[in-house]
Amino acid sequence: MKKSYPSIVLLCLFGLFGLVSCSNDEKLQKKETVSQQSEKIGQEAVKMIKTPLDQARKAAEQENSHGQTVEKEVDKSSN
């Protein structure tokens, strides 16, 4: 009986260490998941902000280009 007592204690300790290490891995995975989700949300927010700004810039460039073309045509017709 006395010989099995230390082995049972060691077995319980190893089991406890195994559970603790698994729970730490899960917490680390959750932290990484939260970090990944935050990064994804941040990228989506940047995209949502940049898209309208880029479209507005393109529209302004087109307007300027059209305005220059009209000015050239007016100058040609007035000469």
Foldseek 3Di string as FASTA:
>chain_A
DVVVVVVVVVVVVVVVVVVVVVVVVVVVVVVVVVVVVVVVVVVVVVCVVVVVVVVVVVVVVVVVVVVVVVVVVVVVVVD
